[in-house]
Amino acid sequence: KLDARKVVIMDNLNIHKSREVEELIRGTGARILYLPVYAPELNPIEMMWSVLKHFIRQLCRIGKYSMEQIVKTSLLLINPSSFRSWFAKCCYCTP
Protein backbone atom coordinates (compact mmCIF):
# COMPACT_ATOMS: atom_id res chain seq x y z
CA LYS A 1 0.00 0.00 0.00
CA LEU A 2 1.38 3.39 -0.96
CA ASP A 3 1.89 6.03 1.72
CA ALA A 4 4.22 8.92 2.54
CA ARG A 5 7.07 6.51 3.37
CA LYS A 6 7.09 5.00 -0.13
CA VAL A 7 8.85 6.02 -3.34
CA VAL A 8 7.53 4.81 -6.69
CA ILE A 9 10.35 4.37 -9.22
CA MET A 10 9.23 4.48 -12.85
CA ASP A 11 10.74 4.66 -16.28
CA ASN A 12 9.82 7.42 -18.70
CA LEU A 13 7.03 5.61 -20.52
CA ASN A 14 4.44 8.21 -21.55
CA ILE A 15 1.63 6.63 -19.52
CA HIS A 16 3.81 6.76 -16.38
CA LYS A 17 4.22 10.52 -16.82
CA SER A 18 0.53 11.19 -17.35
CA ARG A 19 -1.15 13.65 -15.01
CA GLU A 20 -3.63 10.99 -13.88
CA VAL A 21 -0.93 8.52 -12.83
CA GLU A 22 1.11 11.21 -11.07
CA GLU A 23 -1.98 12.49 -9.23
CA LEU A 24 -2.95 8.98 -8.12
CA ILE A 25 0.50 8.30 -6.71
CA ARG A 26 1.02 11.70 -5.12
CA GLY A 27 -2.50 11.51 -3.67
CA THR A 28 -1.28 8.68 -1.44
CA GLY A 29 1.59 10.80 -0.15
CA ALA A 30 4.18 8.70 -1.97
CA ARG A 31 6.99 10.30 -3.97
CA ILE A 32 7.78 9.62 -7.62
CA LEU A 33 11.30 9.05 -8.89
CA TYR A 34 11.80 8.75 -12.64
CA LEU A 35 14.70 6.77 -14.03
CA PRO A 36 17.07 8.54 -16.40
CA VAL A 37 16.00 8.44 -20.03
CA TYR A 38 17.32 5.43 -21.98
CA ALA A 39 19.07 3.80 -19.04
CA PRO A 40 17.88 0.17 -19.01
CA GLU A 41 20.96 -0.77 -16.98
CA LEU A 42 19.48 1.32 -14.14
CA ASN A 43 16.06 -0.29 -14.37
CA PRO A 44 15.51 -3.34 -12.11
CA ILE A 45 12.52 -4.36 -14.23
CA GLU A 46 14.81 -4.79 -17.24
CA MET A 47 16.95 -7.14 -15.15
CA MET A 48 13.86 -9.12 -14.18
CA TRP A 49 12.79 -9.47 -17.83
CA SER A 50 16.30 -10.55 -18.79
CA VAL A 51 16.25 -13.37 -16.23
CA LEU A 52 12.72 -14.45 -17.19
CA LYS A 53 13.43 -14.44 -20.94
CA HIS A 54 16.61 -16.47 -20.45
CA PHE A 55 14.80 -19.06 -18.33
CA ILE A 56 11.84 -19.23 -20.74
CA ARG A 57 14.21 -19.77 -23.69
CA GLN A 58 15.90 -22.62 -21.81
CA LEU A 59 12.60 -24.35 -21.04
CA CYS A 60 11.33 -23.85 -24.60
CA ARG A 61 14.42 -25.64 -25.92
CA ILE A 62 13.54 -28.68 -23.84
CA GLY A 63 10.19 -28.70 -25.60
CA LYS A 64 8.12 -30.81 -23.22
CA TYR A 65 6.38 -28.02 -21.30
CA SER A 66 3.32 -25.98 -22.23
CA MET A 67 3.69 -22.21 -22.41
CA GLU A 68 1.47 -21.92 -19.33
CA GLN A 69 3.78 -24.24 -17.37
CA ILE A 70 6.83 -22.33 -18.56
CA VAL A 71 5.45 -18.94 -17.55
CA LYS A 72 4.24 -20.16 -14.14
CA THR A 73 7.56 -21.86 -13.42
CA SER A 74 9.63 -18.88 -14.55
CA LEU A 75 7.62 -16.51 -12.33
CA LEU A 76 8.62 -18.62 -9.33
CA LEU A 77 12.17 -17.35 -9.88
CA ILE A 78 11.14 -13.84 -8.92
CA ASN A 79 11.18 -13.17 -5.19
CA PRO A 80 12.00 -10.30 -2.81
CA SER A 81 15.65 -11.34 -2.72
CA SER A 82 15.84 -11.06 -6.52
CA PHE A 83 14.45 -7.54 -6.44
CA ARG A 84 16.82 -6.48 -3.63
CA SER A 85 19.73 -7.73 -5.72
CA TRP A 86 18.55 -5.94 -8.88
CA PHE A 87 17.92 -2.69 -7.01
CA ALA A 88 21.40 -2.90 -5.44
CA LYS A 89 22.98 -3.46 -8.88
CA CYS A 90 21.16 -0.35 -10.09
CA CYS A 91 22.70 1.64 -7.20
CA TYR A 92 19.42 2.07 -5.32
CA CYS A 93 19.70 1.84 -1.55
CA THR A 94 18.29 -1.40 -0.20
CA PRO A 95 18.00 -2.59 3.40
PDB file of N, CA and C in Angstrom:
ATOM      1  N   LYS A   1       0.844  -1.171   0.000  1.00  0.00           N
ATOM      2  CA  LYS A   1       0.000   0.000   0.000  1.00  0.00           C
ATOM      3  C   LYS A   1       0.895   1.241   0.000  1.00  0.00           C
ATOM      4  N   LEU A   2       0.587   2.170  -0.876  1.00  0.00           N
ATOM      5  CA  LEU A   2       1.385   3.392  -0.957  1.00  0.00           C
ATOM      6  C   LEU A   2       1.040   4.349   0.174  1.00  0.00           C
ATOM      7  N   ASP A   3       2.075   4.984   0.721  1.00  0.00           N
ATOM      8  CA  ASP A   3       1.894   6.026   1.722  1.00  0.00           C
ATOM      9  C   ASP A   3       3.095   6.959   1.654  1.00  0.00           C
ATOM     10  N   ALA A   4       3.176   7.896   2.577  1.00  0.00           N
ATOM     11  CA  ALA A   4       4.218   8.925   2.544  1.00  0.00           C
ATOM     12  C   ALA A   4       5.626   8.355   2.724  1.00  0.00           C
ATOM     13  N   ARG A   5       5.744   7.126   3.196  1.00  0.00           N
ATOM     14  CA  ARG A   5       7.067   6.515   3.372  1.00  0.00           C
ATOM     15  C   ARG A   5       7.574   5.835   2.111  1.00  0.00           C
ATOM     16  N   LYS A   6       6.753   5.758   1.078  1.00  0.00           N
ATOM     17  CA  LYS A   6       7.093   5.000  -0.128  1.00  0.00           C
ATOM     18  C   LYS A   6       7.551   5.918  -1.262  1.00  0.00           C
ATOM     19  N   VAL A   7       8.407   5.349  -2.120  1.00  0.00           N
ATOM     20  CA  VAL A   7       8.849   6.020  -3.336  1.00  0.00           C
ATOM     21  C   VAL A   7       8.531   5.088  -4.496  1.00  0.00           C
ATOM     22  N   VAL A   8       7.850   5.593  -5.496  1.00  0.00           N
ATOM     23  CA  VAL A   8       7.532   4.812  -6.693  1.00  0.00           C
ATOM     24  C   VAL A   8       8.574   5.170  -7.750  1.00  0.00           C
ATOM     25  N   ILE A   9       9.310   4.159  -8.211  1.00  0.00           N
ATOM     26  CA  ILE A   9      10.348   4.366  -9.217  1.00  0.00           C
ATOM     27  C   ILE A   9       9.793   3.903 -10.554  1.00  0.00           C
ATOM     28  N   MET A  10       9.805   4.810 -11.543  1.00  0.00           N
ATOM     29  CA  MET A  10       9.228   4.484 -12.846  1.00  0.00           C
ATOM     30  C   MET A  10      10.167   4.904 -13.965  1.00  0.00           C
ATOM     31  N   ASP A  11      10.024   4.212 -15.093  1.00  0.00           N
ATOM     32  CA  ASP A  11      10.744   4.655 -16.280  1.00  0.00           C
ATOM     33  C   ASP A  11       9.958   5.788 -16.932  1.00  0.00           C
ATOM     34  N   ASN A  12      10.404   6.232 -18.074  1.00  0.00           N
ATOM     35  CA  ASN A  12       9.816   7.416 -18.700  1.00  0.00           C
ATOM     36  C   ASN A  12       8.766   7.094 -19.752  1.00  0.00           C
ATOM     37  N   LEU A  13       8.118   5.958 -19.625  1.00  0.00           N
ATOM     38  CA  LEU A  13       7.030   5.615 -20.524  1.00  0.00           C
ATOM     39  C   LEU A  13       5.956   6.700 -20.417  1.00  0.00           C
ATOM     40  N   ASN A  14       5.397   7.101 -21.550  1.00  0.00           N
ATOM     41  CA  ASN A  14       4.440   8.211 -21.551  1.00  0.00           C
ATOM     42  C   ASN A  14       3.313   8.037 -20.543  1.00  0.00           C
ATOM     43  N   ILE A  15       2.754   6.835 -20.436  1.00  0.00           N
ATOM     44  CA  ILE A  15       1.630   6.626 -19.516  1.00  0.00           C
ATOM     45  C   ILE A  15       2.059   6.858 -18.068  1.00  0.00           C
ATOM     46  N   HIS A  16       3.322   6.549 -17.743  1.00  0.00           N
ATOM     47  CA  HIS A  16       3.809   6.761 -16.379  1.00  0.00           C
ATOM     48  C   HIS A  16       3.895   8.243 -16.039  1.00  0.00           C
ATOM     49  N   LYS A  17       4.073   9.082 -17.057  1.00  0.00           N
ATOM     50  CA  LYS A  17       4.218  10.516 -16.822  1.00  0.00           C
ATOM     51  C   LYS A  17       2.901  11.271 -16.995  1.00  0.00           C
ATOM     52  N   SER A  18       1.821  10.529 -17.160  1.00  0.00           N
ATOM     53  CA  SER A  18       0.529  11.193 -17.346  1.00  0.00           C
ATOM     54  C   SER A  18       0.095  11.862 -16.043  1.00  0.00           C
ATOM     55  N   ARG A  19      -0.663  12.909 -16.179  1.00  0.00           N
ATOM     56  CA  ARG A  19      -1.151  13.649 -15.011  1.00  0.00           C
ATOM     57  C   ARG A  19      -1.956  12.735 -14.094  1.00  0.00           C
ATOM     58  N   GLU A  20      -2.774  11.864 -14.690  1.00  0.00           N
ATOM     59  CA  GLU A  20      -3.628  10.986 -13.884  1.00  0.00           C
ATOM     60  C   GLU A  20      -2.797  10.057 -13.005  1.00  0.00           C
ATOM     61  N   VAL A  21      -1.773   9.447 -13.591  1.00  0.00           N
ATOM     62  CA  VAL A  21      -0.927   8.523 -12.828  1.00  0.00           C
ATOM     63  C   VAL A  21      -0.194   9.278 -11.725  1.00  0.00           C
ATOM     64  N   GLU A  22       0.390  10.426 -12.076  1.00  0.00           N
ATOM     65  CA  GLU A  22       1.108  11.211 -11.070  1.00  0.00           C
ATOM     66  C   GLU A  22       0.181  11.640  -9.930  1.00  0.00           C
ATOM     67  N   GLU A  23      -1.031  12.065 -10.266  1.00  0.00           N
ATOM     68  CA  GLU A  23      -1.977  12.490  -9.226  1.00  0.00           C
ATOM     69  C   GLU A  23      -2.381  11.325  -8.323  1.00  0.00           C
ATOM     70  N   LEU A  24      -2.591  10.148  -8.922  1.00  0.00           N
ATOM     71  CA  LEU A  24      -2.955   8.976  -8.118  1.00  0.00           C
ATOM     72  C   LEU A  24      -1.857   8.633  -7.121  1.00  0.00           C
ATOM     73  N   ILE A  25      -0.620   8.653  -7.585  1.00  0.00           N
ATOM     74  CA  ILE A  25       0.501   8.298  -6.706  1.00  0.00           C
ATOM     75  C   ILE A  25       0.714   9.374  -5.649  1.00  0.00           C
ATOM     76  N   ARG A  26       0.780  10.612  -6.077  1.00  0.00           N
ATOM     77  CA  ARG A  26       1.017  11.705  -5.119  1.00  0.00           C
ATOM     78  C   ARG A  26      -0.143  11.844  -4.132  1.00  0.00           C
ATOM     79  N   GLY A  27      -1.340  11.465  -4.551  1.00  0.00           N
ATOM     80  CA  GLY A  27      -2.501  11.511  -3.668  1.00  0.00           C
ATOM     81  C   GLY A  27      -2.374  10.591  -2.466  1.00  0.00           C
ATOM     82  N   THR A  28      -1.520   9.589  -2.566  1.00  0.00           N
ATOM     83  CA  THR A  28      -1.281   8.677  -1.439  1.00  0.00           C
ATOM     84  C   THR A  28      -0.216   9.209  -0.497  1.00  0.00           C
ATOM     85  N   GLY A  29       0.475  10.266  -0.935  1.00  0.00           N
ATOM     86  CA  GLY A  29       1.585  10.802  -0.150  1.00  0.00           C
ATOM     87  C   GLY A  29       2.932  10.277  -0.604  1.00  0.00           C
ATOM     88  N   ALA A  30       2.931   9.284  -1.482  1.00  0.00           N
ATOM     89  CA  ALA A  30       4.184   8.703  -1.970  1.00  0.00           C
ATOM     90  C   ALA A  30       4.887   9.670  -2.920  1.00  0.00           C
ATOM     91  N   ARG A  31       6.201   9.498  -3.041  1.00  0.00           N
ATOM     92  CA  ARG A  31       6.988  10.303  -3.973  1.00  0.00           C
ATOM     93  C   ARG A  31       7.209   9.518  -5.261  1.00  0.00           C
ATOM     94  N   ILE A  32       7.496  10.236  -6.331  1.00  0.00           N
ATOM     95  CA  ILE A  32       7.782   9.619  -7.624  1.00  0.00           C
ATOM     96  C   ILE A  32       9.226   9.918  -7.985  1.00  0.00           C
ATOM     97  N   LEU A  33       9.942   8.889  -8.400  1.00  0.00           N
ATOM     98  CA  LEU A  33      11.304   9.046  -8.890  1.00  0.00           C
ATOM     99  C   LEU A  33      11.356   8.433 -10.284  1.00  0.00           C
ATOM    100  N   TYR A  34      11.694   9.247 -11.272  1.00  0.00           N
ATOM    101  CA  TYR A  34      11.803   8.749 -12.641  1.00  0.00           C
ATOM    102  C   TYR A  34      13.238   8.337 -12.927  1.00  0.00           C
ATOM    103  N   LEU A  35      13.385   7.213 -13.597  1.00  0.00           N
ATOM    104  CA  LEU A  35      14.705   6.767 -14.026  1.00  0.00           C
ATOM    105  C   LEU A  35      15.224   7.687 -15.118  1.00  0.00           C
ATOM    106  N   PRO A  36      16.537   7.757 -15.285  1.00  0.00           N
ATOM    107  CA  PRO A  36      17.074   8.543 -16.395  1.00  0.00           C
ATOM    108  C   PRO A  36      16.570   7.985 -17.725  1.00  0.00           C
ATOM    109  N   VAL A  37      16.454   8.852 -18.706  1.00  0.00           N
ATOM    110  CA  VAL A  37      15.996   8.436 -20.033  1.00  0.00           C
ATOM    111  C   VAL A  37      17.004   7.456 -20.634  1.00  0.00           C
ATOM    112  N   TYR A  38      16.496   6.413 -21.271  1.00  0.00           N
ATOM    113  CA  TYR A  38      17.317   5.433 -21.978  1.00  0.00           C
ATOM    114  C   TYR A  38      18.428   4.852 -21.108  1.00  0.00           C
ATOM    115  N   ALA A  39      18.087   4.407 -19.929  1.00  0.00           N
ATOM    116  CA  ALA A  39      19.070   3.801 -19.043  1.00  0.00           C
ATOM    117  C   ALA A  39      18.563   2.450 -18.547  1.00  0.00           C
ATOM    118  N   PRO A  40      18.399   1.470 -19.451  1.00  0.00           N
ATOM    119  CA  PRO A  40      17.877   0.174 -19.009  1.00  0.00           C
ATOM    120  C   PRO A  40      18.768  -0.495 -17.972  1.00  0.00           C
ATOM    121  N   GLU A  41      20.061  -0.166 -17.965  1.00  0.00           N
ATOM    122  CA  GLU A  41      20.961  -0.768 -16.977  1.00  0.00           C
ATOM    123  C   GLU A  41      20.668  -0.256 -15.565  1.00  0.00           C
ATOM    124  N   LEU A  42      19.876   0.803 -15.450  1.00  0.00           N
ATOM    125  CA  LEU A  42      19.485   1.325 -14.141  1.00  0.00           C
ATOM    126  C   LEU A  42      18.042   0.976 -13.798  1.00  0.00           C
ATOM    127  N   ASN A  43      17.462   0.067 -14.558  1.00  0.00           N
ATOM    128  CA  ASN A  43      16.061  -0.289 -14.366  1.00  0.00           C
ATOM    129  C   ASN A  43      15.959  -1.743 -13.898  1.00  0.00           C
ATOM    130  N   PRO A  44      15.617  -1.968 -12.625  1.00  0.00           N
ATOM    131  CA  PRO A  44      15.515  -3.336 -12.112  1.00  0.00           C
ATOM    132  C   PRO A  44      14.521  -4.199 -12.888  1.00  0.00           C
ATOM    133  N   ILE A  45      13.496  -3.594 -13.463  1.00  0.00           N
ATOM    134  CA  ILE A  45      12.517  -4.361 -14.233  1.00  0.00           C
ATOM    135  C   ILE A  45      13.175  -4.978 -15.463  1.00  0.00           C
ATOM    136  N   GLU A  46      14.092  -4.246 -16.086  1.00  0.00           N
ATOM    137  CA  GLU A  46      14.811  -4.790 -17.242  1.00  0.00           C
ATOM    138  C   GLU A  46      15.624  -6.015 -16.838  1.00  0.00           C
ATOM    139  N   MET A  47      16.195  -5.983 -15.641  1.00  0.00           N
ATOM    140  CA  MET A  47      16.950  -7.141 -15.147  1.00  0.00           C
ATOM    141  C   MET A  47      16.022  -8.328 -14.927  1.00  0.00           C
ATOM    142  N   MET A  48      14.834  -8.051 -14.383  1.00  0.00           N
ATOM    143  CA  MET A  48      13.859  -9.119 -14.180  1.00  0.00           C
ATOM    144  C   MET A  48      13.488  -9.757 -15.514  1.00  0.00           C
ATOM    145  N   TRP A  49      13.178  -8.929 -16.529  1.00  0.00           N
ATOM    146  CA  TRP A  49      12.793  -9.471 -17.829  1.00  0.00           C
ATOM    147  C   TRP A  49      13.935 -10.264 -18.451  1.00  0.00           C
ATOM    148  N   SER A  50      15.146  -9.830 -18.253  1.00  0.00           N
ATOM    149  CA  SER A  50      16.295 -10.550 -18.794  1.00  0.00           C
ATOM    150  C   SER A  50      16.376 -11.959 -18.209  1.00  0.00           C
ATOM    151  N   VAL A  51      16.217 -12.064 -16.894  1.00  0.00           N
ATOM    152  CA  VAL A  51      16.248 -13.369 -16.231  1.00  0.00           C
ATOM    153  C   VAL A  51      15.093 -14.242 -16.717  1.00  0.00           C
ATOM    154  N   LEU A  52      13.887 -13.673 -16.763  1.00  0.00           N
ATOM    155  CA  LEU A  52      12.720 -14.449 -17.194  1.00  0.00           C
ATOM    156  C   LEU A  52      12.860 -14.926 -18.639  1.00  0.00           C
ATOM    157  N   LYS A  53      13.295 -14.047 -19.531  1.00  0.00           N
ATOM    158  CA  LYS A  53      13.429 -14.438 -20.939  1.00  0.00           C
ATOM    159  C   LYS A  53      14.475 -15.531 -21.107  1.00  0.00           C
ATOM    160  N   HIS A  54      15.579 -15.431 -20.367  1.00  0.00           N
ATOM    161  CA  HIS A  54      16.613 -16.467 -20.447  1.00  0.00           C
ATOM    162  C   HIS A  54      16.051 -17.818 -19.993  1.00  0.00           C
ATOM    163  N   PHE A  55      15.358 -17.821 -18.869  1.00  0.00           N
ATOM    164  CA  PHE A  55      14.797 -19.058 -18.334  1.00  0.00           C
ATOM    165  C   PHE A  55      13.743 -19.638 -19.276  1.00  0.00           C
ATOM    166  N   ILE A  56      12.885 -18.778 -19.810  1.00  0.00           N
ATOM    167  CA  ILE A  56      11.842 -19.233 -20.739  1.00  0.00           C
ATOM    168  C   ILE A  56      12.469 -19.845 -21.988  1.00  0.00           C
ATOM    169  N   ARG A  57      13.522 -19.204 -22.511  1.00  0.00           N
ATOM    170  CA  ARG A  57      14.212 -19.769 -23.687  1.00  0.00           C
ATOM    171  C   ARG A  57      14.761 -21.157 -23.385  1.00  0.00           C
ATOM    172  N   GLN A  58      15.342 -21.319 -22.188  1.00  0.00           N
ATOM    173  CA  GLN A  58      15.902 -22.618 -21.814  1.00  0.00           C
ATOM    174  C   GLN A  58      14.809 -23.693 -21.757  1.00  0.00           C
ATOM    175  N   LEU A  59      13.681 -23.368 -21.139  1.00  0.00           N
ATOM    176  CA  LEU A  59      12.595 -24.348 -21.043  1.00  0.00           C
ATOM    177  C   LEU A  59      11.973 -24.634 -22.408  1.00  0.00           C
ATOM    178  N   CYS A  60      11.885 -23.629 -23.263  1.00  0.00           N
ATOM    179  CA  CYS A  60      11.326 -23.847 -24.604  1.00  0.00           C
ATOM    180  C   CYS A  60      12.199 -24.802 -25.407  1.00  0.00           C
ATOM    181  N   ARG A  61      13.506 -24.731 -25.201  1.00  0.00           N
ATOM    182  CA  ARG A  61      14.420 -25.637 -25.922  1.00  0.00           C
ATOM    183  C   ARG A  61      14.174 -27.096 -25.540  1.00  0.00           C
ATOM    184  N   ILE A  62      13.820 -27.316 -24.291  1.00  0.00           N
ATOM    185  CA  ILE A  62      13.542 -28.683 -23.836  1.00  0.00           C
ATOM    186  C   ILE A  62      12.324 -29.226 -24.570  1.00  0.00           C
ATOM    187  N   GLY A  63      11.324 -28.379 -24.758  1.00  0.00           N
ATOM    188  CA  GLY A  63      10.188 -28.703 -25.605  1.00  0.00           C
ATOM    189  C   GLY A  63       9.087 -29.556 -25.015  1.00  0.00           C
ATOM    190  N   LYS A  64       9.165 -29.933 -23.752  1.00  0.00           N
ATOM    191  CA  LYS A  64       8.117 -30.811 -23.215  1.00  0.00           C
ATOM    192  C   LYS A  64       7.150 -30.098 -22.273  1.00  0.00           C
ATOM    193  N   TYR A  65       7.245 -28.772 -22.194  1.00  0.00           N
ATOM    194  CA  TYR A  65       6.376 -28.016 -21.305  1.00  0.00           C
ATOM    195  C   TYR A  65       5.450 -27.122 -22.110  1.00  0.00           C
ATOM    196  N   SER A  66       4.238 -26.920 -21.584  1.00  0.00           N
ATOM    197  CA  SER A  66       3.320 -25.979 -22.230  1.00  0.00           C
ATOM    198  C   SER A  66       3.766 -24.560 -21.891  1.00  0.00           C
ATOM    199  N   MET A  67       3.323 -23.598 -22.683  1.00  0.00           N
ATOM    200  CA  MET A  67       3.688 -22.207 -22.410  1.00  0.00           C
ATOM    201  C   MET A  67       3.183 -21.780 -21.033  1.00  0.00           C
ATOM    202  N   GLU A  68       2.006 -22.254 -20.656  1.00  0.00           N
ATOM    203  CA  GLU A  68       1.470 -21.917 -19.334  1.00  0.00           C
ATOM    204  C   GLU A  68       2.391 -22.436 -18.229  1.00  0.00           C
ATOM    205  N   GLN A  69       2.865 -23.675 -18.363  1.00  0.00           N
ATOM    206  CA  GLN A  69       3.779 -24.239 -17.365  1.00  0.00           C
ATOM    207  C   GLN A  69       5.089 -23.453 -17.319  1.00  0.00           C
ATOM    208  N   ILE A  70       5.573 -23.071 -18.481  1.00  0.00           N
ATOM    209  CA  ILE A  70       6.834 -22.334 -18.557  1.00  0.00           C
ATOM    210  C   ILE A  70       6.708 -20.986 -17.866  1.00  0.00           C
ATOM    211  N   VAL A  71       5.630 -20.263 -18.150  1.00  0.00           N
ATOM    212  CA  VAL A  71       5.447 -18.940 -17.546  1.00  0.00           C
ATOM    213  C   VAL A  71       5.279 -19.062 -16.035  1.00  0.00           C
ATOM    214  N   LYS A  72       4.447 -19.991 -15.582  1.00  0.00           N
ATOM    215  CA  LYS A  72       4.235 -20.162 -14.139  1.00  0.00           C
ATOM    216  C   LYS A  72       5.537 -20.528 -13.430  1.00  0.00           C
ATOM    217  N   THR A  73       6.299 -21.434 -14.026  1.00  0.00           N
ATOM    218  CA  THR A  73       7.560 -21.857 -13.423  1.00  0.00           C
ATOM    219  C   THR A  73       8.566 -20.714 -13.396  1.00  0.00           C
ATOM    220  N   SER A  74       8.653 -19.977 -14.496  1.00  0.00           N
ATOM    221  CA  SER A  74       9.626 -18.884 -14.551  1.00  0.00           C
ATOM    222  C   SER A  74       9.289 -17.784 -13.551  1.00  0.00           C
ATOM    223  N   LEU A  75       8.004 -17.541 -13.301  1.00  0.00           N
ATOM    224  CA  LEU A  75       7.622 -16.511 -12.334  1.00  0.00           C
ATOM    225  C   LEU A  75       7.997 -16.889 -10.904  1.00  0.00           C
ATOM    226  N   LEU A  76       8.186 -18.184 -10.653  1.00  0.00           N
ATOM    227  CA  LEU A  76       8.620 -18.619  -9.326  1.00  0.00           C
ATOM    228  C   LEU A  76      10.050 -18.170  -9.025  1.00  0.00           C
ATOM    229  N   LEU A  77      10.800 -17.821 -10.073  1.00  0.00           N
ATOM    230  CA  LEU A  77      12.172 -17.351  -9.882  1.00  0.00           C
ATOM    231  C   LEU A  77      12.230 -15.969  -9.239  1.00  0.00           C
ATOM    232  N   ILE A  78      11.147 -15.225  -9.384  1.00  0.00           N
ATOM    233  CA  ILE A  78      11.136 -13.841  -8.924  1.00  0.00           C
ATOM    234  C   ILE A  78      10.668 -13.802  -7.472  1.00  0.00           C
ATOM    235  N   ASN A  79      11.506 -13.261  -6.605  1.00  0.00           N
ATOM    236  CA  ASN A  79      11.176 -13.170  -5.190  1.00  0.00           C
ATOM    237  C   ASN A  79      11.779 -11.884  -4.620  1.00  0.00           C
ATOM    238  N   PRO A  80      11.460 -11.540  -3.387  1.00  0.00           N
ATOM    239  CA  PRO A  80      11.997 -10.296  -2.814  1.00  0.00           C
ATOM    240  C   PRO A  80      13.524 -10.214  -2.857  1.00  0.00           C
ATOM    241  N   SER A  81      14.189 -11.336  -2.669  1.00  0.00           N
ATOM    242  CA  SER A  81      15.651 -11.338  -2.722  1.00  0.00           C
ATOM    243  C   SER A  81      16.156 -10.945  -4.112  1.00  0.00           C
ATOM    244  N   SER A  82      15.467 -11.428  -5.146  1.00  0.00           N
ATOM    245  CA  SER A  82      15.837 -11.064  -6.518  1.00  0.00           C
ATOM    246  C   SER A  82      15.747  -9.558  -6.701  1.00  0.00           C
ATOM    247  N   PHE A  83      14.633  -8.980  -6.264  1.00  0.00           N
ATOM    248  CA  PHE A  83      14.452  -7.541  -6.437  1.00  0.00           C
ATOM    249  C   PHE A  83      15.466  -6.741  -5.630  1.00  0.00           C
ATOM    250  N   ARG A  84      15.793  -7.187  -4.415  1.00  0.00           N
ATOM    251  CA  ARG A  84      16.817  -6.485  -3.633  1.00  0.00           C
ATOM    252  C   ARG A  84      18.143  -6.486  -4.379  1.00  0.00           C
ATOM    253  N   SER A  85      18.485  -7.618  -4.959  1.00  0.00           N
ATOM    254  CA  SER A  85      19.729  -7.729  -5.718  1.00  0.00           C
ATOM    255  C   SER A  85      19.722  -6.803  -6.927  1.00  0.00           C
ATOM    256  N   TRP A  86      18.627  -6.789  -7.679  1.00  0.00           N
ATOM    257  CA  TRP A  86      18.551  -5.941  -8.877  1.00  0.00           C
ATOM    258  C   TRP A  86      18.585  -4.466  -8.509  1.00  0.00           C
ATOM    259  N   PHE A  87      17.896  -4.091  -7.434  1.00  0.00           N
ATOM    260  CA  PHE A  87      17.924  -2.689  -7.008  1.00  0.00           C
ATOM    261  C   PHE A  87      19.333  -2.299  -6.568  1.00  0.00           C
ATOM    262  N   ALA A  88      20.027  -3.199  -5.867  1.00  0.00           N
ATOM    263  CA  ALA A  88      21.397  -2.900  -5.443  1.00  0.00           C
ATOM    264  C   ALA A  88      22.315  -2.729  -6.656  1.00  0.00           C
ATOM    265  N   LYS A  89      22.164  -3.582  -7.666  1.00  0.00           N
ATOM    266  CA  LYS A  89      22.982  -3.462  -8.881  1.00  0.00           C
ATOM    267  C   LYS A  89      22.716  -2.151  -9.607  1.00  0.00           C
ATOM    268  N   CYS A  90      21.520  -1.623  -9.445  1.00  0.00           N
ATOM    269  CA  CYS A  90      21.159  -0.354 -10.092  1.00  0.00           C
ATOM    270  C   CYS A  90      21.516   0.839  -9.214  1.00  0.00           C
ATOM    271  N   CYS A  91      22.231   0.582  -8.117  1.00  0.00           N
ATOM    272  CA  CYS A  91      22.701   1.639  -7.200  1.00  0.00           C
ATOM    273  C   CYS A  91      21.583   2.278  -6.385  1.00  0.00           C
ATOM    274  N   TYR A  92      20.455   1.583  -6.220  1.00  0.00           N
ATOM    275  CA  TYR A  92      19.415   2.070  -5.324  1.00  0.00           C
ATOM    276  C   TYR A  92      19.720   1.525  -3.939  1.00  0.00           C
ATOM    277  N   CYS A  93      19.474   2.299  -2.926  1.00  0.00           N
ATOM    278  CA  CYS A  93      19.700   1.844  -1.554  1.00  0.00           C
ATOM    279  C   CYS A  93      18.696   0.756  -1.218  1.00  0.00           C
ATOM    280  N   THR A  94      19.170  -0.313  -0.631  1.00  0.00           N
ATOM    281  CA  THR A  94      18.286  -1.399  -0.204  1.00  0.00           C
ATOM    282  C   THR A  94      18.678  -1.804   1.212  1.00  0.00           C
ATOM    283  N   PRO A  95      17.683  -2.177   2.022  1.00  0.00           N
ATOM    284  CA  PRO A  95      17.995  -2.588   3.403  1.00  0.00           C
ATOM    285  C   PRO A  95      18.686  -3.930   3.436  1.00  0.00           C
TER     286      PRO A  95
END
